[in-house]
Amino acid sequence: MDDQNIDTLFQRLLPKFEAWLALHKPWKQNMTIPSTEICRVDPSAPFMQFSTCSARAFFHPEFQRISRLINVPLDFHRKYWEWVFLIHQAETAGVVGPGKRGLVFGVGQEPLPAVFAQKGCIITATDAPTDIAQSTGWSNSDQFAEALATLPAGTMDRAEFERSVEWRECEMNNIDPDFKDYDFCWSSCCLEHLGTLKAGMDFSKNSVVNTLKVGGVAIHTTEFNVSSNTNTVESGHTVIYRRQDLEQLIDDVRAMGHQMSDLKVAPDSLVIDNYVDTPPFSQFPHLKLMLEGYVSTSVGLVIRRMH
């Protein structure tokens, strides 16, 4: 059966599947989820070897170490996976340390600026201009920051935090040329909100060539379509990237002469991986969700500027 036939079958069965989930979702209250404090893996085992969110990563001691830095619980939520992915990739790339400069797009009220600042980095935290945030509704949620005072300082003294972190507005579809010569940049599930699949892919490339010094690293997370490699949401408030879209992005970035990690989709091996959260979304587990009729999860992208 080819992809088109599979997609047609999926779309026909989707309403029945959603109805079944709605009927059985109350069972979730009695779900038994293994404790990450008990079910651990060998510290020497590979960590974050996949590009997509996977429950197995939560059991690794390295995930637990980074979770403590962010001060989040060891619960199965894809946002926690994204934050751990971002920190792990930045540390692995060697761009975290005293004097290193980092730039975050769409910061909201995430805790990562404080984590990097505590490690000696100088951080520029940006979010959408206020008029855009108000018109899109972002200003009414915790996914928007309008000033430095709204960002959490973590374990840092507030004055020390504000010496290491500055806040500025940034239009991600039109990055200000003043944002340049950074050692690393990142965003956590922002580029899918830029209007179209192409806009998010263009931003990913622009974040490299416009803001990084040679050798710098861009790390971004976004929505990944687990249901289909053919049909998806291509435009609107939230788009969902397919494998084919991200593989095209990888080809484009490499053609530009930069390095980009391969897309490695996790082979879901635990029962938790196969739970799909449906509206109204619950807090845990929330590794996959039903989004605009497609099953979606988080995916991470890593690009290094080479020239």
C-alpha atoms as a PDB file:
ATOM      1  CA  MET A   1       0.000   0.000   0.000  1.00  0.00           C
ATOM      2  CA  ASP A   2       1.523   3.363  -1.048  1.00  0.00           C
ATOM      3  CA  ASP A   3       1.621   6.542   1.081  1.00  0.00           C
ATOM      4  CA  GLN A   4      -1.425   8.072  -0.626  1.00  0.00           C
ATOM      5  CA  ASN A   5      -3.602   5.031   0.088  1.00  0.00           C
ATOM      6  CA  ILE A   6      -2.357   4.886   3.664  1.00  0.00           C
ATOM      7  CA  ASP A   7      -3.213   8.566   4.150  1.00  0.00           C
ATOM      8  CA  THR A   8      -6.695   8.035   2.675  1.00  0.00           C
ATOM      9  CA  LEU A   9      -7.298   5.099   5.003  1.00  0.00           C
ATOM     10  CA  PHE A  10      -6.007   7.093   7.976  1.00  0.00           C
ATOM     11  CA  GLN A  11      -8.291  10.034   7.249  1.00  0.00           C
ATOM     12  CA  ARG A  12     -11.299   7.671   6.966  1.00  0.00           C
ATOM     13  CA  LEU A  13     -10.509   5.959  10.267  1.00  0.00           C
ATOM     14  CA  LEU A  14      -9.468   9.110  12.166  1.00  0.00           C
ATOM     15  CA  PRO A  15     -12.987  10.101  13.369  1.00  0.00           C
ATOM     16  CA  LYS A  16     -13.527   6.589  14.765  1.00  0.00           C
ATOM     17  CA  PHE A  17     -10.111   6.667  16.418  1.00  0.00           C
ATOM     18  CA  GLU A  18     -10.803  10.062  18.042  1.00  0.00           C
ATOM     19  CA  ALA A  19     -14.185   8.817  19.275  1.00  0.00           C
ATOM     20  CA  TRP A  20     -12.508   5.770  20.812  1.00  0.00           C
ATOM     21  CA  LEU A  21      -9.929   7.971  22.536  1.00  0.00           C
ATOM     22  CA  ALA A  22     -12.631  10.248  23.927  1.00  0.00           C
ATOM     23  CA  LEU A  23     -14.494   7.224  25.288  1.00  0.00           C
ATOM     24  CA  HIS A  24     -11.436   5.664  26.906  1.00  0.00           C
ATOM     25  CA  LYS A  25      -9.557   8.763  28.040  1.00  0.00           C
ATOM     26  CA  PRO A  26     -10.954   8.475  31.595  1.00  0.00           C
ATOM     27  CA  TRP A  27      -8.862   5.316  31.895  1.00  0.00           C
ATOM     28  CA  LYS A  28      -5.854   7.601  31.952  1.00  0.00           C
ATOM     29  CA  GLN A  29      -6.606   8.449  35.558  1.00  0.00           C
ATOM     30  CA  ASN A  30      -5.665   4.874  36.412  1.00  0.00           C
ATOM     31  CA  MET A  31      -2.653   4.582  34.097  1.00  0.00           C
ATOM     32  CA  THR A  32       0.421   3.104  35.726  1.00  0.00           C
ATOM     33  CA  ILE A  33       3.477   4.999  34.505  1.00  0.00           C
ATOM     34  CA  PRO A  34       6.942   3.709  35.457  1.00  0.00           C
ATOM     35  CA  SER A  35       8.970   5.969  37.712  1.00  0.00           C
ATOM     36  CA  THR A  36      12.062   7.487  36.139  1.00  0.00           C
ATOM     37  CA  GLU A  37      13.612   7.454  39.618  1.00  0.00           C
ATOM     38  CA  ILE A  38      13.469   3.652  39.623  1.00  0.00           C
ATOM     39  CA  CYS A  39      13.640   2.494  35.999  1.00  0.00           C
ATOM     40  CA  ARG A  40      16.977   3.897  34.916  1.00  0.00           C
ATOM     41  CA  VAL A  41      19.349   2.986  32.087  1.00  0.00           C
ATOM     42  CA  ASP A  42      23.124   2.584  32.027  1.00  0.00           C
ATOM     43  CA  PRO A  43      24.786   6.046  32.145  1.00  0.00           C
ATOM     44  CA  SER A  44      27.098   4.933  29.335  1.00  0.00           C
ATOM     45  CA  ALA A  45      24.144   4.161  27.036  1.00  0.00           C
ATOM     46  CA  PRO A  46      23.618   6.543  24.068  1.00  0.00           C
ATOM     47  CA  PHE A  47      21.597   9.619  24.998  1.00  0.00           C
ATOM     48  CA  MET A  48      19.344  11.671  22.728  1.00  0.00           C
ATOM     49  CA  GLN A  49      20.381   9.655  19.672  1.00  0.00           C
ATOM     50  CA  PHE A  50      17.029  10.395  18.021  1.00  0.00           C
ATOM     51  CA  SER A  51      15.653  13.638  16.608  1.00  0.00           C
ATOM     52  CA  THR A  52      12.110  13.088  17.887  1.00  0.00           C
ATOM     53  CA  CYS A  53      10.640  12.939  21.371  1.00  0.00           C
ATOM     54  CA  SER A  54      10.923   9.464  22.882  1.00  0.00           C
ATOM     55  CA  ALA A  55       9.923   8.178  26.312  1.00  0.00           C
ATOM     56  CA  ARG A  56      13.132   6.175  26.608  1.00  0.00           C
ATOM     57  CA  ALA A  57      15.190   9.373  26.885  1.00  0.00           C
ATOM     58  CA  PHE A  58      13.454  10.245  30.172  1.00  0.00           C
ATOM     59  CA  PHE A  59      15.003   7.220  31.896  1.00  0.00           C
ATOM     60  CA  HIS A  60      18.589   8.233  31.141  1.00  0.00           C
ATOM     61  CA  PRO A  61      20.612   9.749  34.039  1.00  0.00           C
ATOM     62  CA  GLU A  62      21.668  12.592  31.736  1.00  0.00           C
ATOM     63  CA  PHE A  63      18.019  13.555  31.242  1.00  0.00           C
ATOM     64  CA  GLN A  64      17.646  13.641  34.998  1.00  0.00           C
ATOM     65  CA  ARG A  65      20.778  15.793  35.414  1.00  0.00           C
ATOM     66  CA  ILE A  66      19.539  18.378  32.944  1.00  0.00           C
ATOM     67  CA  SER A  67      16.020  18.274  34.405  1.00  0.00           C
ATOM     68  CA  ARG A  68      17.503  19.349  37.727  1.00  0.00           C
ATOM     69  CA  LEU A  69      19.192  22.301  36.004  1.00  0.00           C
ATOM     70  CA  ILE A  70      15.842  23.415  34.612  1.00  0.00           C
ATOM     71  CA  ASN A  71      14.067  22.532  37.867  1.00  0.00           C
ATOM     72  CA  VAL A  72      11.306  20.524  36.189  1.00  0.00           C
ATOM     73  CA  PRO A  73       9.863  17.199  37.380  1.00  0.00           C
ATOM     74  CA  LEU A  74      10.703  13.919  35.650  1.00  0.00           C
ATOM     75  CA  ASP A  75       7.297  13.723  34.001  1.00  0.00           C
ATOM     76  CA  PHE A  76       6.571  12.555  30.473  1.00  0.00           C
ATOM     77  CA  HIS A  77       5.926  15.861  28.742  1.00  0.00           C
ATOM     78  CA  ARG A  78       7.335  16.762  25.348  1.00  0.00           C
ATOM     79  CA  LYS A  79       8.134  20.341  26.424  1.00  0.00           C
ATOM     80  CA  TYR A  80      10.538  18.963  29.021  1.00  0.00           C
ATOM     81  CA  TRP A  81      12.075  16.791  26.296  1.00  0.00           C
ATOM     82  CA  GLU A  82      12.524  19.886  24.119  1.00  0.00           C
ATOM     83  CA  TRP A  83      14.293  21.833  26.859  1.00  0.00           C
ATOM     84  CA  VAL A  84      16.582  18.913  27.685  1.00  0.00           C
ATOM     85  CA  PHE A  85      17.302  18.408  23.972  1.00  0.00           C
ATOM     86  CA  LEU A  86      18.236  22.072  23.551  1.00  0.00           C
ATOM     87  CA  ILE A  87      20.582  22.138  26.537  1.00  0.00           C
ATOM     88  CA  HIS A  88      22.144  18.761  25.709  1.00  0.00           C
ATOM     89  CA  GLN A  89      22.824  19.733  22.097  1.00  0.00           C
ATOM     90  CA  ALA A  90      24.309  23.110  23.086  1.00  0.00           C
ATOM     91  CA  GLU A  91      26.586  21.483  25.658  1.00  0.00           C
ATOM     92  CA  THR A  92      27.608  18.734  23.232  1.00  0.00           C
ATOM     93  CA  ALA A  93      28.396  21.324  20.539  1.00  0.00           C
ATOM     94  CA  GLY A  94      30.789  23.087  22.932  1.00  0.00           C
ATOM     95  CA  VAL A  95      29.064  26.470  22.736  1.00  0.00           C
ATOM     96  CA  VAL A  96      28.157  26.778  26.435  1.00  0.00           C
ATOM     97  CA  GLY A  97      30.532  28.413  28.894  1.00  0.00           C
ATOM     98  CA  PRO A  98      31.891  31.709  30.253  1.00  0.00           C
ATOM     99  CA  GLY A  99      31.699  34.483  27.677  1.00  0.00           C
ATOM    100  CA  LYS A 100      29.724  32.486  25.113  1.00  0.00           C
ATOM    101  CA  ARG A 101      26.860  34.437  23.525  1.00  0.00           C
ATOM    102  CA  GLY A 102      23.426  32.902  23.033  1.00  0.00           C
ATOM    103  CA  LEU A 103      20.283  34.164  21.306  1.00  0.00           C
ATOM    104  CA  VAL A 104      16.802  32.745  21.946  1.00  0.00           C
ATOM    105  CA  PHE A 105      13.784  33.333  19.715  1.00  0.00           C
ATOM    106  CA  GLY A 106      10.224  33.295  21.053  1.00  0.00           C
ATOM    107  CA  VAL A 107      11.470  32.936  24.608  1.00  0.00           C
ATOM    108  CA  GLY A 108       8.084  33.122  26.334  1.00  0.00           C
ATOM    109  CA  GLN A 109       8.774  32.397  29.984  1.00  0.00           C
ATOM    110  CA  GLU A 110      11.038  29.399  29.511  1.00  0.00           C
ATOM    111  CA  PRO A 111      13.813  28.676  32.039  1.00  0.00           C
ATOM    112  CA  LEU A 112      16.693  28.118  29.590  1.00  0.00           C
ATOM    113  CA  PRO A 113      18.140  31.676  29.596  1.00  0.00           C
ATOM    114  CA  ALA A 114      18.801  31.322  33.328  1.00  0.00           C
ATOM    115  CA  VAL A 115      20.401  27.883  32.867  1.00  0.00           C
ATOM    116  CA  PHE A 116      22.810  29.189  30.232  1.00  0.00           C
ATOM    117  CA  ALA A 117      23.469  32.417  32.134  1.00  0.00           C
ATOM    118  CA  GLN A 118      24.362  30.413  35.233  1.00  0.00           C
ATOM    119  CA  LYS A 119      26.999  28.653  33.136  1.00  0.00           C
ATOM    120  CA  GLY A 120      28.554  32.013  32.261  1.00  0.00           C
ATOM    121  CA  CYS A 121      26.841  32.717  28.932  1.00  0.00           C
ATOM    122  CA  ILE A 122      25.650  36.152  27.845  1.00  0.00           C
ATOM    123  CA  ILE A 123      22.086  35.738  26.604  1.00  0.00           C
ATOM    124  CA  THR A 124      19.841  37.854  24.378  1.00  0.00           C
ATOM    125  CA  ALA A 125      16.251  36.774  25.003  1.00  0.00           C
ATOM    126  CA  THR A 126      13.773  37.815  22.315  1.00  0.00           C
ATOM    127  CA  ASP A 127      10.075  37.539  21.686  1.00  0.00           C
ATOM    128  CA  ALA A 128       7.638  38.819  19.091  1.00  0.00           C
ATOM    129  CA  PRO A 129       6.882  42.553  18.885  1.00  0.00           C
ATOM    130  CA  THR A 130       3.924  43.416  21.104  1.00  0.00           C
ATOM    131  CA  ASP A 131       1.590  44.224  18.217  1.00  0.00           C
ATOM    132  CA  ILE A 132       2.170  40.795  16.655  1.00  0.00           C
ATOM    133  CA  ALA A 133       1.767  39.043  20.013  1.00  0.00           C
ATOM    134  CA  GLN A 134      -1.532  40.816  20.617  1.00  0.00           C
ATOM    135  CA  SER A 135      -2.903  40.128  17.134  1.00  0.00           C
ATOM    136  CA  THR A 136      -2.076  36.409  17.373  1.00  0.00           C
ATOM    137  CA  GLY A 137      -3.210  35.984  20.975  1.00  0.00           C
ATOM    138  CA  TRP A 138       0.251  35.057  22.291  1.00  0.00           C
ATOM    139  CA  SER A 139       0.234  37.973  24.737  1.00  0.00           C
ATOM    140  CA  ASN A 140      -2.552  36.258  26.690  1.00  0.00           C
ATOM    141  CA  SER A 141      -0.491  33.164  27.483  1.00  0.00           C
ATOM    142  CA  ASP A 142       2.719  32.177  29.233  1.00  0.00           C
ATOM    143  CA  GLN A 143       4.176  31.597  25.762  1.00  0.00           C
ATOM    144  CA  PHE A 144       5.024  35.284  25.457  1.00  0.00           C
ATOM    145  CA  ALA A 145       7.451  37.567  27.266  1.00  0.00           C
ATOM    146  CA  GLU A 146       7.170  41.321  26.971  1.00  0.00           C
ATOM    147  CA  ALA A 147      10.074  42.331  29.226  1.00  0.00           C
ATOM    148  CA  LEU A 148      13.095  40.980  31.054  1.00  0.00           C
ATOM    149  CA  ALA A 149      11.173  41.056  34.333  1.00  0.00           C
ATOM    150  CA  THR A 150       8.856  38.290  33.101  1.00  0.00           C
ATOM    151  CA  LEU A 151      11.702  35.799  32.608  1.00  0.00           C
ATOM    152  CA  PRO A 152      12.472  33.395  35.475  1.00  0.00           C
ATOM    153  CA  ALA A 153      15.926  33.747  37.038  1.00  0.00           C
ATOM    154  CA  GLY A 154      16.076  30.145  38.232  1.00  0.00           C
ATOM    155  CA  THR A 155      18.584  29.754  41.059  1.00  0.00           C
ATOM    156  CA  MET A 156      20.407  32.977  40.122  1.00  0.00           C
ATOM    157  CA  ASP A 157      20.258  36.197  42.059  1.00  0.00           C
ATOM    158  CA  ARG A 158      17.909  38.511  40.159  1.00  0.00           C
ATOM    159  CA  ALA A 159      20.495  41.256  39.753  1.00  0.00           C
ATOM    160  CA  GLU A 160      23.095  38.771  38.531  1.00  0.00           C
ATOM    161  CA  PHE A 161      20.581  37.298  36.091  1.00  0.00           C
ATOM    162  CA  GLU A 162      19.764  40.708  34.629  1.00  0.00           C
ATOM    163  CA  ARG A 163      23.470  41.460  34.157  1.00  0.00           C
ATOM    164  CA  SER A 164      23.802  38.335  32.014  1.00  0.00           C
ATOM    165  CA  VAL A 165      20.489  38.406  30.141  1.00  0.00           C
ATOM    166  CA  GLU A 166      19.020  41.180  27.994  1.00  0.00           C
ATOM    167  CA  TRP A 167      15.531  41.242  26.451  1.00  0.00           C
ATOM    168  CA  ARG A 168      14.648  42.554  22.990  1.00  0.00           C
ATOM    169  CA  GLU A 169      11.853  42.279  20.462  1.00  0.00           C
ATOM    170  CA  CYS A 170      12.467  40.204  17.341  1.00  0.00           C
ATOM    171  CA  GLU A 171      10.320  39.473  14.289  1.00  0.00           C
ATOM    172  CA  MET A 172      11.340  35.932  13.351  1.00  0.00           C
ATOM    173  CA  ASN A 173      10.258  36.409   9.728  1.00  0.00           C
ATOM    174  CA  ASN A 174      12.524  39.450   9.485  1.00  0.00           C
ATOM    175  CA  ILE A 175      15.481  39.080  11.854  1.00  0.00           C
ATOM    176  CA  ASP A 176      17.079  42.413  12.757  1.00  0.00           C
ATOM    177  CA  PRO A 177      20.657  42.607  11.366  1.00  0.00           C
ATOM    178  CA  ASP A 178      21.832  43.758  14.806  1.00  0.00           C
ATOM    179  CA  PHE A 179      21.477  40.146  15.993  1.00  0.00           C
ATOM    180  CA  LYS A 180      24.821  38.742  14.859  1.00  0.00           C
ATOM    181  CA  ASP A 181      28.025  36.968  15.926  1.00  0.00           C
ATOM    182  CA  TYR A 182      26.389  34.637  18.453  1.00  0.00           C
ATOM    183  CA  ASP A 183      27.942  31.316  19.454  1.00  0.00           C
ATOM    184  CA  PHE A 184      24.536  29.656  19.508  1.00  0.00           C
ATOM    185  CA  CYS A 185      20.850  30.352  19.027  1.00  0.00           C
ATOM    186  CA  TRP A 186      17.740  28.349  19.821  1.00  0.00           C
ATOM    187  CA  SER A 187      13.966  28.241  19.803  1.00  0.00           C
ATOM    188  CA  SER A 188      11.469  25.894  21.426  1.00  0.00           C
ATOM    189  CA  CYS A 189       8.426  25.144  19.242  1.00  0.00           C
ATOM    190  CA  CYS A 190       8.224  28.588  17.619  1.00  0.00           C
ATOM    191  CA  LEU A 191       9.015  28.225  13.936  1.00  0.00           C
ATOM    192  CA  GLU A 192       5.764  26.349  13.233  1.00  0.00           C
ATOM    193  CA  HIS A 193       3.866  29.541  14.133  1.00  0.00           C
ATOM    194  CA  LEU A 194       5.373  31.705  11.366  1.00  0.00           C
ATOM    195  CA  GLY A 195       2.519  31.180   8.914  1.00  0.00           C
ATOM    196  CA  THR A 196       3.704  28.511   6.484  1.00  0.00           C
ATOM    197  CA  LEU A 197       6.016  25.515   6.284  1.00  0.00           C
ATOM    198  CA  LYS A 198       8.350  27.539   4.064  1.00  0.00           C
ATOM    199  CA  ALA A 199       8.470  30.470   6.491  1.00  0.00           C
ATOM    200  CA  GLY A 200       9.658  28.207   9.289  1.00  0.00           C
ATOM    201  CA  MET A 201      12.259  26.560   7.065  1.00  0.00           C
ATOM    202  CA  ASP A 202      13.493  29.969   5.880  1.00  0.00           C
ATOM    203  CA  PHE A 203      13.771  31.102   9.497  1.00  0.00           C
ATOM    204  CA  SER A 204      15.853  28.029  10.361  1.00  0.00           C
ATOM    205  CA  LYS A 205      18.341  28.898   7.613  1.00  0.00           C
ATOM    206  CA  ASN A 206      18.311  32.629   8.391  1.00  0.00           C
ATOM    207  CA  SER A 207      18.976  31.960  12.073  1.00  0.00           C
ATOM    208  CA  VAL A 208      22.256  30.377  10.990  1.00  0.00           C
ATOM    209  CA  VAL A 209      23.540  32.798   8.364  1.00  0.00           C
ATOM    210  CA  ASN A 210      22.197  35.992   9.964  1.00  0.00           C
ATOM    211  CA  THR A 211      22.938  35.521  13.660  1.00  0.00           C
ATOM    212  CA  LEU A 212      25.783  33.035  14.183  1.00  0.00           C
ATOM    213  CA  LYS A 213      29.527  33.387  13.951  1.00  0.00           C
ATOM    214  CA  VAL A 214      31.376  30.733  11.945  1.00  0.00           C
ATOM    215  CA  GLY A 215      31.290  27.537  14.005  1.00  0.00           C
ATOM    216  CA  GLY A 216      28.140  28.635  15.822  1.00  0.00           C
ATOM    217  CA  VAL A 217      25.211  26.282  16.290  1.00  0.00           C
ATOM    218  CA  ALA A 218      21.453  26.754  15.816  1.00  0.00           C
ATOM    219  CA  ILE A 219      19.149  24.406  17.723  1.00  0.00           C
ATOM    220  CA  HIS A 220      15.401  24.457  17.141  1.00  0.00           C
ATOM    221  CA  THR A 221      12.435  22.278  18.050  1.00  0.00           C
ATOM    222  CA  THR A 222       9.136  22.166  16.186  1.00  0.00           C
ATOM    223  CA  GLU A 223       6.063  20.052  15.409  1.00  0.00           C
ATOM    224  CA  PHE A 224       6.573  16.732  13.617  1.00  0.00           C
ATOM    225  CA  ASN A 225       3.826  14.849  11.786  1.00  0.00           C
ATOM    226  CA  VAL A 226       3.792  11.212  12.915  1.00  0.00           C
ATOM    227  CA  SER A 227       0.662  10.374  10.901  1.00  0.00           C
ATOM    228  CA  SER A 228       1.632  11.201   7.355  1.00  0.00           C
ATOM    229  CA  ASN A 229       4.502  12.044   5.057  1.00  0.00           C
ATOM    230  CA  THR A 230       2.040  13.279   2.433  1.00  0.00           C
ATOM    231  CA  ASN A 231      -0.765  15.295   4.021  1.00  0.00           C
ATOM    232  CA  THR A 232      -0.269  17.914   6.725  1.00  0.00           C
ATOM    233  CA  VAL A 233      -1.139  21.445   7.844  1.00  0.00           C
ATOM    234  CA  GLU A 234       0.877  23.624   5.465  1.00  0.00           C
ATOM    235  CA  SER A 235      -0.275  27.110   6.519  1.00  0.00           C
ATOM    236  CA  GLY A 236      -2.030  28.871   9.370  1.00  0.00           C
ATOM    237  CA  HIS A 237      -1.405  29.549  13.032  1.00  0.00           C
ATOM    238  CA  THR A 238       0.346  26.186  13.504  1.00  0.00           C
ATOM    239  CA  VAL A 239       1.900  24.110  10.720  1.00  0.00           C
ATOM    240  CA  ILE A 240       3.159  20.534  11.134  1.00  0.00           C
ATOM    241  CA  TYR A 241       6.379  19.397   9.483  1.00  0.00           C
ATOM    242  CA  ARG A 242       6.551  16.077   7.675  1.00  0.00           C
ATOM    243  CA  ARG A 243       9.640  13.939   7.202  1.00  0.00           C
ATOM    244  CA  GLN A 244       9.841  15.118   3.579  1.00  0.00           C
ATOM    245  CA  ASP A 245       9.876  18.781   4.663  1.00  0.00           C
ATOM    246  CA  LEU A 246      12.703  18.314   7.137  1.00  0.00           C
ATOM    247  CA  GLU A 247      14.710  16.163   4.746  1.00  0.00           C
ATOM    248  CA  GLN A 248      14.363  18.965   2.187  1.00  0.00           C
ATOM    249  CA  LEU A 249      15.589  21.446   4.811  1.00  0.00           C
ATOM    250  CA  ILE A 250      18.589  19.227   5.518  1.00  0.00           C
ATOM    251  CA  ASP A 251      19.413  19.069   1.799  1.00  0.00           C
ATOM    252  CA  ASP A 252      19.085  22.865   1.504  1.00  0.00           C
ATOM    253  CA  VAL A 253      21.310  23.565   4.507  1.00  0.00           C
ATOM    254  CA  ARG A 254      23.992  21.159   3.329  1.00  0.00           C
ATOM    255  CA  ALA A 255      23.848  22.679  -0.171  1.00  0.00           C
ATOM    256  CA  MET A 256      24.590  26.024   1.500  1.00  0.00           C
ATOM    257  CA  GLY A 257      27.786  24.480   2.888  1.00  0.00           C
ATOM    258  CA  HIS A 258      26.701  24.090   6.513  1.00  0.00           C
ATOM    259  CA  GLN A 259      26.394  20.999   8.690  1.00  0.00           C
ATOM    260  CA  MET A 260      23.022  19.647   9.774  1.00  0.00           C
ATOM    261  CA  SER A 261      22.321  16.476  11.728  1.00  0.00           C
ATOM    262  CA  ASP A 262      20.411  13.658  10.048  1.00  0.00           C
ATOM    263  CA  LEU A 263      16.730  13.258  10.876  1.00  0.00           C
ATOM    264  CA  LYS A 264      16.422  10.180  13.080  1.00  0.00           C
ATOM    265  CA  VAL A 265      12.841   9.353  14.003  1.00  0.00           C
ATOM    266  CA  ALA A 266      12.639   7.377  17.250  1.00  0.00           C
ATOM    267  CA  PRO A 267      11.286   3.820  16.903  1.00  0.00           C
ATOM    268  CA  ASP A 268       8.611   4.084  19.580  1.00  0.00           C
ATOM    269  CA  SER A 269       9.399   1.155  21.816  1.00  0.00           C
ATOM    270  CA  LEU A 270       7.492   1.904  25.018  1.00  0.00           C
ATOM    271  CA  VAL A 271       3.744   1.897  25.591  1.00  0.00           C
ATOM    272  CA  ILE A 272       3.876   5.542  26.727  1.00  0.00           C
ATOM    273  CA  ASP A 273       5.150   6.510  23.263  1.00  0.00           C
ATOM    274  CA  ASN A 274       1.911   5.300  21.723  1.00  0.00           C
ATOM    275  CA  TYR A 275      -0.426   7.301  23.954  1.00  0.00           C
ATOM    276  CA  VAL A 276      -1.911  10.209  21.983  1.00  0.00           C
ATOM    277  CA  ASP A 277      -3.238  13.082  24.075  1.00  0.00           C
ATOM    278  CA  THR A 278      -6.445  14.644  22.745  1.00  0.00           C
ATOM    279  CA  PRO A 279      -8.213  17.945  23.520  1.00  0.00           C
ATOM    280  CA  PRO A 280      -8.708  19.075  26.176  1.00  0.00           C
ATOM    281  CA  PHE A 281      -5.042  18.149  26.688  1.00  0.00           C
ATOM    282  CA  SER A 282      -3.912  16.755  30.012  1.00  0.00           C
ATOM    283  CA  GLN A 283      -0.586  17.376  31.627  1.00  0.00           C
ATOM    284  CA  PHE A 284       0.968  13.891  31.640  1.00  0.00           C
ATOM    285  CA  PRO A 285       1.767  11.871  29.643  1.00  0.00           C
ATOM    286  CA  HIS A 286       1.989  14.335  26.777  1.00  0.00           C
ATOM    287  CA  LEU A 287       4.605  13.067  24.340  1.00  0.00           C
ATOM    288  CA  LYS A 288       2.222  12.915  21.379  1.00  0.00           C
ATOM    289  CA  LEU A 289      -0.954  14.855  20.743  1.00  0.00           C
ATOM    290  CA  MET A 290      -3.765  15.053  18.219  1.00  0.00           C
ATOM    291  CA  LEU A 291      -3.194  18.349  16.404  1.00  0.00           C
ATOM    292  CA  GLU A 292      -5.447  19.511  13.565  1.00  0.00           C
ATOM    293  CA  GLY A 293      -6.328  15.894  12.783  1.00  0.00           C
ATOM    294  CA  TYR A 294      -2.736  14.617  12.813  1.00  0.00           C
ATOM    295  CA  VAL A 295      -0.704  12.872  15.479  1.00  0.00           C
ATOM    296  CA  SER A 296       2.200  15.188  16.282  1.00  0.00           C
ATOM    297  CA  THR A 297       5.272  15.134  18.493  1.00  0.00           C
ATOM    298  CA  SER A 298       8.373  17.297  18.982  1.00  0.00           C
ATOM    299  CA  VAL A 299      11.429  17.136  16.737  1.00  0.00           C
ATOM    300  CA  GLY A 300      14.813  18.762  17.193  1.00  0.00           C
ATOM    301  CA  LEU A 301      17.026  20.333  14.501  1.00  0.00           C
ATOM    302  CA  VAL A 302      20.759  21.065  14.881  1.00  0.00           C
ATOM    303  CA  ILE A 303      22.703  23.183  12.356  1.00  0.00           C
ATOM    304  CA  ARG A 304      26.334  24.357  12.538  1.00  0.00           C
ATOM    305  CA  ARG A 305      27.515  27.339  10.496  1.00  0.00           C
ATOM    306  CA  MET A 306      30.648  26.429   8.523  1.00  0.00           C
ATOM    307  CA  HIS A 307      31.561  29.641   6.688  1.00  0.00           C
END
